[in-house]
N, C-alpha and C. Protein backbone atom coordinates (compact mmCIF):
# COMPACT_ATOMS: atom_id res chain seq x y z
N MET A 1 151.88 104.43 96.12
CA MET A 1 151.66 103.40 97.13
C MET A 1 152.58 103.67 98.31
N ARG A 2 152.03 103.58 99.50
CA ARG A 2 152.79 103.72 100.74
C ARG A 2 152.70 102.41 101.50
N TYR A 3 153.59 102.21 102.44
CA TYR A 3 153.64 100.99 103.23
C TYR A 3 153.65 101.35 104.71
N THR A 4 152.91 100.59 105.48
CA THR A 4 152.92 100.74 106.94
C THR A 4 153.19 99.38 107.56
N VAL A 5 153.51 99.39 108.84
CA VAL A 5 153.80 98.15 109.56
C VAL A 5 152.75 97.96 110.64
N MET A 6 152.21 96.76 110.71
CA MET A 6 151.28 96.39 111.78
C MET A 6 151.89 95.24 112.57
N PHE A 7 151.53 95.17 113.83
CA PHE A 7 151.95 94.02 114.64
C PHE A 7 150.83 93.65 115.59
N GLN A 8 150.83 92.40 116.00
CA GLN A 8 149.78 91.87 116.86
C GLN A 8 150.13 92.14 118.31
N VAL A 9 149.22 92.84 119.00
CA VAL A 9 149.40 93.15 120.41
C VAL A 9 148.94 91.97 121.26
N GLU A 10 147.76 91.48 120.95
CA GLU A 10 147.19 90.30 121.57
C GLU A 10 146.48 89.52 120.48
N GLU A 11 146.03 88.35 120.78
CA GLU A 11 145.34 87.51 119.79
C GLU A 11 144.24 88.29 119.10
N GLY A 12 144.37 88.49 117.81
CA GLY A 12 143.36 89.19 117.02
C GLY A 12 143.35 90.70 117.18
N GLU A 13 144.29 91.27 117.90
CA GLU A 13 144.34 92.72 118.13
C GLU A 13 145.63 93.28 117.53
N TRP A 14 145.47 94.08 116.48
CA TRP A 14 146.61 94.61 115.73
C TRP A 14 146.68 96.11 115.88
N MET A 15 147.90 96.65 115.78
CA MET A 15 148.07 98.10 115.76
C MET A 15 149.19 98.47 114.81
N TYR A 16 149.19 99.73 114.39
CA TYR A 16 150.23 100.24 113.51
C TYR A 16 151.46 100.65 114.32
N ALA A 17 152.64 100.40 113.77
CA ALA A 17 153.87 100.87 114.38
C ALA A 17 153.94 102.38 114.24
N SER A 18 154.52 103.05 115.22
CA SER A 18 154.61 104.50 115.23
C SER A 18 156.03 104.93 115.58
N ALA A 19 156.37 106.16 115.23
CA ALA A 19 157.68 106.70 115.57
C ALA A 19 157.73 107.18 117.01
N GLU A 20 156.57 107.35 117.65
CA GLU A 20 156.53 107.80 119.03
C GLU A 20 156.98 106.68 119.96
N ASN A 21 157.67 107.07 121.04
CA ASN A 21 158.14 106.09 122.00
C ASN A 21 157.93 106.64 123.40
N PRO A 22 157.02 106.11 124.20
CA PRO A 22 156.14 104.99 123.88
C PRO A 22 155.00 105.48 122.98
N PHE A 23 154.38 104.55 122.28
CA PHE A 23 153.26 104.92 121.42
C PHE A 23 151.99 104.23 121.87
N THR A 24 150.86 104.80 121.45
CA THR A 24 149.54 104.27 121.80
C THR A 24 148.76 104.02 120.52
N TYR A 25 147.54 103.55 120.67
CA TYR A 25 146.70 103.29 119.52
C TYR A 25 146.38 104.57 118.74
N SER A 26 146.43 105.71 119.38
CA SER A 26 146.12 106.96 118.70
C SER A 26 147.35 107.64 118.10
N SER A 27 148.54 107.05 118.28
CA SER A 27 149.75 107.61 117.69
C SER A 27 149.72 107.48 116.17
N PRO A 28 150.29 108.45 115.46
CA PRO A 28 150.30 108.36 113.98
C PRO A 28 151.16 107.18 113.52
N ALA A 29 150.68 106.49 112.51
CA ALA A 29 151.40 105.33 111.98
C ALA A 29 152.61 105.76 111.17
N LEU A 30 153.68 104.96 111.27
CA LEU A 30 154.83 105.17 110.40
C LEU A 30 154.42 104.86 108.97
N SER A 31 154.97 105.60 108.03
CA SER A 31 154.66 105.38 106.63
C SER A 31 155.96 105.35 105.84
N PHE A 32 156.08 104.39 104.93
CA PHE A 32 157.31 104.21 104.16
C PHE A 32 157.02 104.27 102.67
N THR A 33 157.99 104.73 101.91
CA THR A 33 157.82 104.82 100.46
C THR A 33 158.20 103.53 99.76
N THR A 34 159.03 102.70 100.40
CA THR A 34 159.41 101.43 99.78
C THR A 34 159.09 100.27 100.71
N ARG A 35 158.81 99.14 100.13
CA ARG A 35 158.53 97.92 100.90
C ARG A 35 159.77 97.51 101.72
N GLU A 36 160.96 97.71 101.17
CA GLU A 36 162.20 97.33 101.85
C GLU A 36 162.37 98.11 103.16
N GLU A 37 162.07 99.42 103.14
CA GLU A 37 162.14 100.22 104.36
C GLU A 37 161.15 99.69 105.40
N ALA A 38 159.96 99.37 104.96
CA ALA A 38 158.93 98.86 105.87
C ALA A 38 159.33 97.50 106.44
N LEU A 39 159.96 96.66 105.63
CA LEU A 39 160.40 95.34 106.11
C LEU A 39 161.43 95.46 107.23
N VAL A 40 162.31 96.44 107.12
CA VAL A 40 163.31 96.67 108.18
C VAL A 40 162.59 96.98 109.50
N GLU A 41 161.56 97.84 109.44
CA GLU A 41 160.79 98.17 110.65
C GLU A 41 160.01 96.95 111.14
N ALA A 42 159.40 96.19 110.25
CA ALA A 42 158.59 95.03 110.63
C ALA A 42 159.42 93.98 111.36
N GLU A 43 160.69 93.89 111.02
CA GLU A 43 161.56 92.90 111.67
C GLU A 43 161.81 93.20 113.14
N LYS A 44 161.45 94.38 113.60
CA LYS A 44 161.63 94.75 115.00
C LYS A 44 160.58 94.08 115.89
N TYR A 45 159.52 93.54 115.27
CA TYR A 45 158.40 92.96 116.02
C TYR A 45 158.28 91.47 115.68
N ASN A 46 157.95 90.66 116.67
CA ASN A 46 157.76 89.23 116.44
C ASN A 46 156.67 88.94 115.43
N THR A 47 155.62 89.77 115.42
CA THR A 47 154.48 89.54 114.55
C THR A 47 154.34 90.63 113.49
N GLY A 48 155.40 91.41 113.25
CA GLY A 48 155.34 92.53 112.32
C GLY A 48 155.05 92.10 110.88
N ILE A 49 154.12 92.82 110.24
CA ILE A 49 153.81 92.58 108.84
C ILE A 49 153.77 93.93 108.11
N VAL A 50 154.04 93.90 106.82
CA VAL A 50 153.99 95.10 106.00
C VAL A 50 152.63 95.15 105.31
N VAL A 51 152.00 96.32 105.35
CA VAL A 51 150.68 96.51 104.77
C VAL A 51 150.78 97.61 103.71
N GLU A 52 150.27 97.33 102.51
CA GLU A 52 150.23 98.35 101.46
C GLU A 52 149.05 99.27 101.72
N ARG A 53 149.28 100.56 101.59
CA ARG A 53 148.21 101.54 101.82
C ARG A 53 148.22 102.58 100.71
N GLU A 54 147.06 102.97 100.28
CA GLU A 54 146.92 104.09 99.36
C GLU A 54 146.31 105.23 100.13
N GLY A 55 146.84 106.41 99.96
CA GLY A 55 146.31 107.57 100.67
C GLY A 55 146.76 107.56 102.12
N ASP A 56 146.03 108.29 102.94
CA ASP A 56 146.36 108.40 104.35
C ASP A 56 145.94 107.15 105.10
N VAL A 57 146.66 106.83 106.15
CA VAL A 57 146.28 105.74 107.03
C VAL A 57 145.20 106.26 107.96
N ARG A 58 144.11 105.56 108.03
CA ARG A 58 142.95 105.97 108.83
C ARG A 58 143.26 105.89 110.32
N GLU A 59 142.79 106.89 111.05
CA GLU A 59 142.91 106.86 112.50
C GLU A 59 141.83 105.94 113.05
N PHE A 60 142.02 105.48 114.29
CA PHE A 60 141.01 104.66 114.93
C PHE A 60 139.75 105.48 115.16
N ASN A 61 138.58 104.84 115.03
CA ASN A 61 137.33 105.54 115.32
C ASN A 61 137.12 105.55 116.84
N ARG A 62 136.04 106.18 117.28
CA ARG A 62 135.79 106.34 118.72
C ARG A 62 135.72 104.99 119.44
N GLU A 63 135.01 104.04 118.84
CA GLU A 63 134.87 102.72 119.47
C GLU A 63 136.23 102.03 119.60
N GLU A 64 137.05 102.11 118.57
CA GLU A 64 138.37 101.48 118.60
C GLU A 64 139.27 102.15 119.64
N ARG A 65 139.19 103.49 119.76
CA ARG A 65 139.99 104.19 120.78
C ARG A 65 139.56 103.78 122.18
N MET A 66 138.25 103.67 122.41
CA MET A 66 137.75 103.28 123.73
C MET A 66 138.19 101.86 124.08
N ARG A 67 138.13 100.96 123.09
CA ARG A 67 138.58 99.58 123.32
C ARG A 67 140.06 99.55 123.68
N ALA A 68 140.86 100.36 122.99
CA ALA A 68 142.29 100.42 123.26
C ALA A 68 142.56 100.98 124.66
N LYS A 69 141.80 102.01 125.04
CA LYS A 69 141.97 102.59 126.38
C LYS A 69 141.61 101.57 127.46
N MET A 70 140.52 100.84 127.25
CA MET A 70 140.12 99.82 128.22
C MET A 70 141.18 98.73 128.33
N ARG A 71 141.74 98.31 127.20
CA ARG A 71 142.79 97.30 127.20
C ARG A 71 144.01 97.82 127.96
N ASP A 72 144.32 99.10 127.79
CA ASP A 72 145.43 99.72 128.50
C ASP A 72 145.20 99.66 130.01
N ILE A 73 143.99 99.98 130.44
CA ILE A 73 143.65 99.95 131.86
C ILE A 73 143.72 98.53 132.40
N VAL A 74 143.16 97.57 131.67
CA VAL A 74 143.18 96.17 132.09
C VAL A 74 144.61 95.68 132.23
N ASN A 75 145.50 96.15 131.35
CA ASN A 75 146.90 95.74 131.39
C ASN A 75 147.70 96.46 132.46
N GLY A 76 147.05 97.38 133.19
CA GLY A 76 147.72 98.05 134.30
C GLY A 76 148.50 99.28 133.92
N ASN A 77 148.38 99.76 132.68
CA ASN A 77 149.09 100.97 132.27
C ASN A 77 148.34 102.18 132.78
N LYS A 78 149.08 103.14 133.31
CA LYS A 78 148.46 104.34 133.88
C LYS A 78 148.75 105.53 132.98
N HIS A 79 147.81 105.81 132.08
CA HIS A 79 147.93 106.97 131.20
C HIS A 79 146.79 107.93 131.52
N GLU A 80 147.02 109.19 131.28
CA GLU A 80 145.94 110.17 131.42
C GLU A 80 145.27 110.31 130.07
N TYR A 81 143.95 110.12 130.04
CA TYR A 81 143.22 110.23 128.78
C TYR A 81 142.39 111.45 128.78
């Protein structure tokens, strides 16, 4: 069993925490071997939660990536895609 951390970006919109800084929706999710390690990371976010995962954490599909890119543009972030 592995653990990852998710946090709410906007109402109903969640993303995985990543080791990249800054990180995007396509950044690889942090993965922890113990719940305690994940809880330490989750405490860094107001809405951070620990999620149990088996196997690899799934990447966003094409539709989810496009939605994230559009949200980035609406929020005024200037990234090259």
